[in-house]
Amino acid sequence: MSEEQKKAGPGRPATGQAMSSTERSAKRDKDLIDAGGRVLRNVRLSPEAAKALEALAAQHPSERSAIETALVEWHKINVVPHDK
C-alpha cells in the first residue's frame, strides 16, 4: 500500500469539489427557483394556524410535506374549477 493510500483513510477520495453547507443550500434554492418554486423564509403562523399545521403534519412525513399537500389540494378545490 502506498503512503498516499494510507493517509486517505476510509471513504471516498477527496475531489476538491466539496461545497460548504451554505453553498449547498444556495444551490438547492437556486435550482428550486429555476424550476418555478419559491423559498419562503420567516413565515409566522397564528396560534390557530399552528394548531392546524400540527394536525396536518401528524398525517405526513414532515411539516413541509403537509404544507405543500395542503396548498396543492386547496388550489385544486378552490382555484382550478374557477379558472376559465
PDB file of N, CA and C in Angstrom:
ATOM      1  N   MET A   1       0.845  -1.167   0.000  1.00  0.00           N
ATOM      2  CA  MET A   1       0.000   0.000   0.000  1.00  0.00           C
ATOM      3  C   MET A   1       0.897   1.240   0.000  1.00  0.00           C
ATOM      4  N   SER A   2       0.586   2.195  -0.859  1.00  0.00           N
ATOM      5  CA  SER A   2       1.422   3.392  -0.943  1.00  0.00           C
ATOM      6  C   SER A   2       1.147   4.312   0.237  1.00  0.00           C
ATOM      7  N   GLU A   3       2.066   5.236   0.458  1.00  0.00           N
ATOM      8  CA  GLU A   3       1.933   6.195   1.548  1.00  0.00           C
ATOM      9  C   GLU A   3       0.687   7.073   1.356  1.00  0.00           C
ATOM     10  N   GLU A   4       0.382   7.409   0.100  1.00  0.00           N
ATOM     11  CA  GLU A   4      -0.781   8.240  -0.203  1.00  0.00           C
ATOM     12  C   GLU A   4      -2.088   7.530   0.152  1.00  0.00           C
ATOM     13  N   GLN A   5      -2.164   6.245  -0.131  1.00  0.00           N
ATOM     14  CA  GLN A   5      -3.360   5.473   0.182  1.00  0.00           C
ATOM     15  C   GLN A   5      -3.566   5.368   1.683  1.00  0.00           C
ATOM     16  N   LYS A   6      -2.498   5.281   2.460  1.00  0.00           N
ATOM     17  CA  LYS A   6      -2.605   5.178   3.906  1.00  0.00           C
ATOM     18  C   LYS A   6      -3.169   6.470   4.499  1.00  0.00           C
ATOM     19  N   LYS A   7      -2.781   7.615   3.975  1.00  0.00           N
ATOM     20  CA  LYS A   7      -3.222   8.904   4.502  1.00  0.00           C
ATOM     21  C   LYS A   7      -4.689   9.188   4.175  1.00  0.00           C
ATOM     22  N   ALA A   8      -5.162   8.646   3.079  1.00  0.00           N
ATOM     23  CA  ALA A   8      -6.505   8.963   2.613  1.00  0.00           C
ATOM     24  C   ALA A   8      -7.576   8.516   3.590  1.00  0.00           C
ATOM     25  N   GLY A   9      -7.395   7.404   4.238  1.00  0.00           N
ATOM     26  CA  GLY A   9      -8.389   6.918   5.179  1.00  0.00           C
ATOM     27  C   GLY A   9      -9.574   6.290   4.465  1.00  0.00           C
ATOM     28  N   PRO A  10     -10.581   5.874   5.237  1.00  0.00           N
ATOM     29  CA  PRO A  10     -11.752   5.226   4.642  1.00  0.00           C
ATOM     30  C   PRO A  10     -12.651   6.245   3.938  1.00  0.00           C
ATOM     31  N   GLY A  11     -13.539   5.752   3.132  1.00  0.00           N
ATOM     32  CA  GLY A  11     -14.490   6.623   2.444  1.00  0.00           C
ATOM     33  C   GLY A  11     -14.044   6.958   1.042  1.00  0.00           C
ATOM     34  N   ARG A  12     -14.792   7.842   0.417  1.00  0.00           N
ATOM     35  CA  ARG A  12     -14.443   8.189  -0.954  1.00  0.00           C
ATOM     36  C   ARG A  12     -13.273   9.152  -0.987  1.00  0.00           C
ATOM     37  N   PRO A  13     -12.561   9.121  -2.071  1.00  0.00           N
ATOM     38  CA  PRO A  13     -11.410  10.026  -2.189  1.00  0.00           C
ATOM     39  C   PRO A  13     -11.868  11.479  -2.356  1.00  0.00           C
ATOM     40  N   ALA A  14     -11.084  12.390  -1.858  1.00  0.00           N
ATOM     41  CA  ALA A  14     -11.406  13.808  -1.987  1.00  0.00           C
ATOM     42  C   ALA A  14     -11.275  14.243  -3.439  1.00  0.00           C
ATOM     43  N   THR A  15     -12.243  15.025  -3.904  1.00  0.00           N
ATOM     44  CA  THR A  15     -12.208  15.506  -5.285  1.00  0.00           C
ATOM     45  C   THR A  15     -11.797  16.969  -5.340  1.00  0.00           C
ATOM     46  N   GLY A  16     -11.828  17.641  -4.203  1.00  0.00           N
ATOM     47  CA  GLY A  16     -11.527  19.061  -4.187  1.00  0.00           C
ATOM     48  C   GLY A  16     -12.708  19.904  -4.630  1.00  0.00           C
ATOM     49  N   GLN A  17     -13.870  19.285  -4.812  1.00  0.00           N
ATOM     50  CA  GLN A  17     -15.058  19.991  -5.284  1.00  0.00           C
ATOM     51  C   GLN A  17     -16.150  20.055  -4.219  1.00  0.00           C
ATOM     52  N   ALA A  18     -15.798  19.821  -2.969  1.00  0.00           N
ATOM     53  CA  ALA A  18     -16.791  19.829  -1.903  1.00  0.00           C
ATOM     54  C   ALA A  18     -17.329  21.239  -1.699  1.00  0.00           C
ATOM     55  N   MET A  19     -18.622  21.334  -1.400  1.00  0.00           N
ATOM     56  CA  MET A  19     -19.246  22.626  -1.136  1.00  0.00           C
ATOM     57  C   MET A  19     -19.570  22.727   0.347  1.00  0.00           C
ATOM     58  N   SER A  20     -19.570  23.930   0.850  1.00  0.00           N
ATOM     59  CA  SER A  20     -19.962  24.152   2.236  1.00  0.00           C
ATOM     60  C   SER A  20     -21.480  23.996   2.336  1.00  0.00           C
ATOM     61  N   SER A  21     -22.001  23.902   3.552  1.00  0.00           N
ATOM     62  CA  SER A  21     -23.451  23.769   3.718  1.00  0.00           C
ATOM     63  C   SER A  21     -24.166  25.017   3.177  1.00  0.00           C
ATOM     64  N   THR A  22     -23.559  26.179   3.304  1.00  0.00           N
ATOM     65  CA  THR A  22     -24.143  27.409   2.768  1.00  0.00           C
ATOM     66  C   THR A  22     -24.212  27.355   1.249  1.00  0.00           C
ATOM     67  N   GLU A  23     -23.154  26.868   0.625  1.00  0.00           N
ATOM     68  CA  GLU A  23     -23.138  26.747  -0.836  1.00  0.00           C
ATOM     69  C   GLU A  23     -24.160  25.716  -1.313  1.00  0.00           C
ATOM     70  N   ARG A  24     -24.269  24.587  -0.597  1.00  0.00           N
ATOM     71  CA  ARG A  24     -25.261  23.561  -0.971  1.00  0.00           C
ATOM     72  C   ARG A  24     -26.675  24.114  -0.849  1.00  0.00           C
ATOM     73  N   SER A  25     -26.939  24.855   0.224  1.00  0.00           N
ATOM     74  CA  SER A  25     -28.258  25.441   0.436  1.00  0.00           C
ATOM     75  C   SER A  25     -28.581  26.458  -0.659  1.00  0.00           C
ATOM     76  N   ALA A  26     -27.626  27.304  -0.993  1.00  0.00           N
ATOM     77  CA  ALA A  26     -27.840  28.292  -2.050  1.00  0.00           C
ATOM     78  C   ALA A  26     -28.101  27.608  -3.391  1.00  0.00           C
ATOM     79  N   LYS A  27     -27.396  26.515  -3.668  1.00  0.00           N
ATOM     80  CA  LYS A  27     -27.600  25.780  -4.918  1.00  0.00           C
ATOM     81  C   LYS A  27     -28.994  25.153  -4.950  1.00  0.00           C
ATOM     82  N   ARG A  28     -29.424  24.555  -3.822  1.00  0.00           N
ATOM     83  CA  ARG A  28     -30.773  23.971  -3.759  1.00  0.00           C
ATOM     84  C   ARG A  28     -31.831  25.044  -3.984  1.00  0.00           C
ATOM     85  N   ASP A  29     -31.648  26.215  -3.336  1.00  0.00           N
ATOM     86  CA  ASP A  29     -32.598  27.306  -3.511  1.00  0.00           C
ATOM     87  C   ASP A  29     -32.643  27.762  -4.966  1.00  0.00           C
ATOM     88  N   LYS A  30     -31.487  27.933  -5.581  1.00  0.00           N
ATOM     89  CA  LYS A  30     -31.419  28.380  -6.975  1.00  0.00           C
ATOM     90  C   LYS A  30     -32.085  27.365  -7.900  1.00  0.00           C
ATOM     91  N   ASP A  31     -31.799  26.073  -7.689  1.00  0.00           N
ATOM     92  CA  ASP A  31     -32.406  25.029  -8.525  1.00  0.00           C
ATOM     93  C   ASP A  31     -33.927  25.031  -8.383  1.00  0.00           C
ATOM     94  N   LEU A  32     -34.400  25.200  -7.148  1.00  0.00           N
ATOM     95  CA  LEU A  32     -35.838  25.222  -6.905  1.00  0.00           C
ATOM     96  C   LEU A  32     -36.485  26.422  -7.589  1.00  0.00           C
ATOM     97  N   ILE A  33     -35.883  27.579  -7.445  1.00  0.00           N
ATOM     98  CA  ILE A  33     -36.421  28.797  -8.058  1.00  0.00           C
ATOM     99  C   ILE A  33     -36.382  28.697  -9.577  1.00  0.00           C
ATOM    100  N   ASP A  34     -35.294  28.158 -10.124  1.00  0.00           N
ATOM    101  CA  ASP A  34     -35.194  27.968 -11.577  1.00  0.00           C
ATOM    102  C   ASP A  34     -36.275  27.038 -12.094  1.00  0.00           C
ATOM    103  N   ALA A  35     -36.723  26.096 -11.259  1.00  0.00           N
ATOM    104  CA  ALA A  35     -37.767  25.153 -11.662  1.00  0.00           C
ATOM    105  C   ALA A  35     -39.166  25.729 -11.448  1.00  0.00           C
ATOM    106  N   GLY A  36     -39.242  26.976 -10.943  1.00  0.00           N
ATOM    107  CA  GLY A  36     -40.544  27.610 -10.746  1.00  0.00           C
ATOM    108  C   GLY A  36     -41.020  27.593  -9.305  1.00  0.00           C
ATOM    109  N   GLY A  37     -40.223  27.076  -8.378  1.00  0.00           N
ATOM    110  CA  GLY A  37     -40.602  27.035  -6.971  1.00  0.00           C
ATOM    111  C   GLY A  37     -40.311  28.340  -6.264  1.00  0.00           C
ATOM    112  N   ARG A  38     -40.583  28.378  -4.978  1.00  0.00           N
ATOM    113  CA  ARG A  38     -40.337  29.560  -4.156  1.00  0.00           C
ATOM    114  C   ARG A  38     -39.724  29.141  -2.840  1.00  0.00           C
ATOM    115  N   VAL A  39     -39.009  30.064  -2.232  1.00  0.00           N
ATOM    116  CA  VAL A  39     -38.444  29.863  -0.903  1.00  0.00           C
ATOM    117  C   VAL A  39     -39.110  30.877   0.017  1.00  0.00           C
ATOM    118  N   LEU A  40     -39.816  30.387   1.031  1.00  0.00           N
ATOM    119  CA  LEU A  40     -40.462  31.275   1.998  1.00  0.00           C
ATOM    120  C   LEU A  40     -39.663  31.226   3.292  1.00  0.00           C
ATOM    121  N   ARG A  41     -39.224  32.364   3.736  1.00  0.00           N
ATOM    122  CA  ARG A  41     -38.437  32.419   4.961  1.00  0.00           C
ATOM    123  C   ARG A  41     -39.186  33.261   6.004  1.00  0.00           C
ATOM    124  N   ASN A  42     -38.971  32.909   7.249  1.00  0.00           N
ATOM    125  CA  ASN A  42     -39.539  33.668   8.365  1.00  0.00           C
ATOM    126  C   ASN A  42     -41.053  33.778   8.283  1.00  0.00           C
ATOM    127  N   VAL A  43     -41.708  32.697   7.959  1.00  0.00           N
ATOM    128  CA  VAL A  43     -43.163  32.677   7.923  1.00  0.00           C
ATOM    129  C   VAL A  43     -43.650  32.536   9.361  1.00  0.00           C
ATOM    130  N   ARG A  44     -44.504  33.446   9.767  1.00  0.00           N
ATOM    131  CA  ARG A  44     -45.044  33.409  11.123  1.00  0.00           C
ATOM    132  C   ARG A  44     -46.481  32.920  11.059  1.00  0.00           C
ATOM    133  N   LEU A  45     -46.822  31.985  11.936  1.00  0.00           N
ATOM    134  CA  LEU A  45     -48.164  31.420  11.967  1.00  0.00           C
ATOM    135  C   LEU A  45     -48.888  31.850  13.237  1.00  0.00           C
ATOM    136  N   SER A  46     -50.171  32.127  13.095  1.00  0.00           N
ATOM    137  CA  SER A  46     -51.003  32.427  14.259  1.00  0.00           C
ATOM    138  C   SER A  46     -51.164  31.142  15.071  1.00  0.00           C
ATOM    139  N   PRO A  47     -51.613  31.243  16.322  1.00  0.00           N
ATOM    140  CA  PRO A  47     -51.843  30.029  17.109  1.00  0.00           C
ATOM    141  C   PRO A  47     -52.813  29.062  16.424  1.00  0.00           C
ATOM    142  N   GLU A  48     -53.863  29.603  15.802  1.00  0.00           N
ATOM    143  CA  GLU A  48     -54.830  28.750  15.105  1.00  0.00           C
ATOM    144  C   GLU A  48     -54.175  28.010  13.941  1.00  0.00           C
ATOM    145  N   ALA A  49     -53.370  28.726  13.173  1.00  0.00           N
ATOM    146  CA  ALA A  49     -52.680  28.104  12.042  1.00  0.00           C
ATOM    147  C   ALA A  49     -51.655  27.081  12.533  1.00  0.00           C
ATOM    148  N   ALA A  50     -50.986  27.361  13.631  1.00  0.00           N
ATOM    149  CA  ALA A  50     -50.003  26.424  14.189  1.00  0.00           C
ATOM    150  C   ALA A  50     -50.671  25.122  14.611  1.00  0.00           C
ATOM    151  N   LYS A  51     -51.854  25.231  15.210  1.00  0.00           N
ATOM    152  CA  LYS A  51     -52.597  24.014  15.605  1.00  0.00           C
ATOM    153  C   LYS A  51     -53.031  23.229  14.369  1.00  0.00           C
ATOM    154  N   ALA A  52     -53.476  23.942  13.341  1.00  0.00           N
ATOM    155  CA  ALA A  52     -53.882  23.276  12.098  1.00  0.00           C
ATOM    156  C   ALA A  52     -52.693  22.567  11.461  1.00  0.00           C
ATOM    157  N   LEU A  53     -51.543  23.223  11.456  1.00  0.00           N
ATOM    158  CA  LEU A  53     -50.343  22.604  10.891  1.00  0.00           C
ATOM    159  C   LEU A  53     -49.946  21.372  11.690  1.00  0.00           C
ATOM    160  N   GLU A  54     -50.040  21.448  12.987  1.00  0.00           N
ATOM    161  CA  GLU A  54     -49.707  20.297  13.834  1.00  0.00           C
ATOM    162  C   GLU A  54     -50.608  19.104  13.507  1.00  0.00           C
ATOM    163  N   ALA A  55     -51.900  19.364  13.314  1.00  0.00           N
ATOM    164  CA  ALA A  55     -52.838  18.294  12.966  1.00  0.00           C
ATOM    165  C   ALA A  55     -52.533  17.722  11.585  1.00  0.00           C
ATOM    166  N   LEU A  56     -52.234  18.596  10.613  1.00  0.00           N
ATOM    167  CA  LEU A  56     -51.896  18.127   9.270  1.00  0.00           C
ATOM    168  C   LEU A  56     -50.595  17.342   9.257  1.00  0.00           C
ATOM    169  N   ALA A  57     -49.603  17.839   9.982  1.00  0.00           N
ATOM    170  CA  ALA A  57     -48.276  17.218   9.976  1.00  0.00           C
ATOM    171  C   ALA A  57     -48.312  15.807  10.562  1.00  0.00           C
ATOM    172  N   ALA A  58     -49.273  15.538  11.413  1.00  0.00           N
ATOM    173  CA  ALA A  58     -49.392  14.195  12.004  1.00  0.00           C
ATOM    174  C   ALA A  58     -49.691  13.145  10.937  1.00  0.00           C
ATOM    175  N   GLN A  59     -50.229  13.583   9.813  1.00  0.00           N
ATOM    176  CA  GLN A  59     -50.594  12.656   8.733  1.00  0.00           C
ATOM    177  C   GLN A  59     -49.569  12.639   7.607  1.00  0.00           C
ATOM    178  N   HIS A  60     -48.471  13.372   7.769  1.00  0.00           N
ATOM    179  CA  HIS A  60     -47.457  13.479   6.727  1.00  0.00           C
ATOM    180  C   HIS A  60     -46.072  13.220   7.310  1.00  0.00           C
ATOM    181  N   PRO A  61     -45.121  12.890   6.461  1.00  0.00           N
ATOM    182  CA  PRO A  61     -43.765  12.621   6.956  1.00  0.00           C
ATOM    183  C   PRO A  61     -43.059  13.854   7.502  1.00  0.00           C
ATOM    184  N   SER A  62     -43.490  15.068   7.094  1.00  0.00           N
ATOM    185  CA  SER A  62     -42.852  16.291   7.575  1.00  0.00           C
ATOM    186  C   SER A  62     -43.837  17.449   7.504  1.00  0.00           C
ATOM    187  N   GLU A  63     -43.515  18.530   8.205  1.00  0.00           N
ATOM    188  CA  GLU A  63     -44.352  19.715   8.130  1.00  0.00           C
ATOM    189  C   GLU A  63     -44.340  20.287   6.716  1.00  0.00           C
ATOM    190  N   ARG A  64     -43.179  20.252   6.090  1.00  0.00           N
ATOM    191  CA  ARG A  64     -43.081  20.763   4.715  1.00  0.00           C
ATOM    192  C   ARG A  64     -44.007  19.991   3.783  1.00  0.00           C
ATOM    193  N   SER A  65     -44.015  18.688   3.916  1.00  0.00           N
ATOM    194  CA  SER A  65     -44.891  17.854   3.094  1.00  0.00           C
ATOM    195  C   SER A  65     -46.355  18.190   3.362  1.00  0.00           C
ATOM    196  N   ALA A  66     -46.708  18.406   4.618  1.00  0.00           N
ATOM    197  CA  ALA A  66     -48.089  18.751   4.974  1.00  0.00           C
ATOM    198  C   ALA A  66     -48.487  20.084   4.362  1.00  0.00           C
ATOM    199  N   ILE A  67     -47.601  21.069   4.435  1.00  0.00           N
ATOM    200  CA  ILE A  67     -47.890  22.389   3.884  1.00  0.00           C
ATOM    201  C   ILE A  67     -48.038  22.319   2.365  1.00  0.00           C
ATOM    202  N   GLU A  68     -47.111  21.631   1.695  1.00  0.00           N
ATOM    203  CA  GLU A  68     -47.175  21.516   0.238  1.00  0.00           C
ATOM    204  C   GLU A  68     -48.459  20.811  -0.193  1.00  0.00           C
ATOM    205  N   THR A  69     -48.792  19.725   0.477  1.00  0.00           N
ATOM    206  CA  THR A  69     -50.003  18.975   0.131  1.00  0.00           C
ATOM    207  C   THR A  69     -51.242  19.830   0.340  1.00  0.00           C
ATOM    208  N   ALA A  70     -51.301  20.542   1.469  1.00  0.00           N
ATOM    209  CA  ALA A  70     -52.463  21.390   1.744  1.00  0.00           C
ATOM    210  C   ALA A  70     -52.611  22.477   0.690  1.00  0.00           C
ATOM    211  N   LEU A  71     -51.509  23.108   0.304  1.00  0.00           N
ATOM    212  CA  LEU A  71     -51.575  24.162  -0.715  1.00  0.00           C
ATOM    213  C   LEU A  71     -52.035  23.620  -2.064  1.00  0.00           C
ATOM    214  N   VAL A  72     -51.472  22.502  -2.472  1.00  0.00           N
ATOM    215  CA  VAL A  72     -51.824  21.918  -3.771  1.00  0.00           C
ATOM    216  C   VAL A  72     -53.286  21.484  -3.779  1.00  0.00           C
ATOM    217  N   GLU A  73     -53.738  20.824  -2.712  1.00  0.00           N
ATOM    218  CA  GLU A  73     -55.131  20.357  -2.668  1.00  0.00           C
ATOM    219  C   GLU A  73     -56.104  21.531  -2.597  1.00  0.00           C
ATOM    220  N   TRP A  74     -55.770  22.566  -1.825  1.00  0.00           N
ATOM    221  CA  TRP A  74     -56.627  23.743  -1.758  1.00  0.00           C
ATOM    222  C   TRP A  74     -56.744  24.383  -3.134  1.00  0.00           C
ATOM    223  N   HIS A  75     -55.632  24.456  -3.831  1.00  0.00           N
ATOM    224  CA  HIS A  75     -55.636  25.033  -5.177  1.00  0.00           C
ATOM    225  C   HIS A  75     -56.532  24.220  -6.112  1.00  0.00           C
ATOM    226  N   LYS A  76     -56.456  22.901  -6.025  1.00  0.00           N
ATOM    227  CA  LYS A  76     -57.290  22.045  -6.883  1.00  0.00           C
ATOM    228  C   LYS A  76     -58.769  22.264  -6.605  1.00  0.00           C
ATOM    229  N   ILE A  77     -59.110  22.411  -5.332  1.00  0.00           N
ATOM    230  CA  ILE A  77     -60.516  22.547  -4.937  1.00  0.00           C
ATOM    231  C   ILE A  77     -61.059  23.938  -5.243  1.00  0.00           C
ATOM    232  N   ASN A  78     -60.303  24.965  -4.912  1.00  0.00           N
ATOM    233  CA  ASN A  78     -60.822  26.324  -4.945  1.00  0.00           C
ATOM    234  C   ASN A  78     -60.444  27.156  -6.162  1.00  0.00           C
ATOM    235  N   VAL A  79     -59.320  26.899  -6.750  1.00  0.00           N
ATOM    236  CA  VAL A  79     -58.851  27.767  -7.819  1.00  0.00           C
ATOM    237  C   VAL A  79     -59.077  27.162  -9.193  1.00  0.00           C
ATOM    238  N   VAL A  80     -58.695  25.932  -9.386  1.00  0.00           N
ATOM    239  CA  VAL A  80     -58.769  25.309 -10.709  1.00  0.00           C
ATOM    240  C   VAL A  80     -60.184  25.303 -11.269  1.00  0.00           C
ATOM    241  N   PRO A  81     -61.238  24.937 -10.479  1.00  0.00           N
ATOM    242  CA  PRO A  81     -62.589  24.930 -11.070  1.00  0.00           C
ATOM    243  C   PRO A  81     -63.059  26.311 -11.530  1.00  0.00           C
ATOM    244  N   HIS A  82     -62.515  27.389 -10.933  1.00  0.00           N
ATOM    245  CA  HIS A  82     -62.945  28.743 -11.275  1.00  0.00           C
ATOM    246  C   HIS A  82     -62.051  29.403 -12.297  1.00  0.00           C
ATOM    247  N   ASP A  83     -60.986  28.740 -12.672  1.00  0.00           N
ATOM    248  CA  ASP A  83     -60.027  29.293 -13.623  1.00  0.00           C
ATOM    249  C   ASP A  83     -60.461  28.922 -15.046  1.00  0.00           C
ATOM    250  N   LYS A  84     -61.124  29.854 -15.704  1.00  0.00           N
ATOM    251  CA  LYS A  84     -61.664  29.542 -17.038  1.00  0.00           C
ATOM    252  C   LYS A  84     -60.859  30.192 -18.123  1.00  0.00           C
TER     253      LYS A  84
END
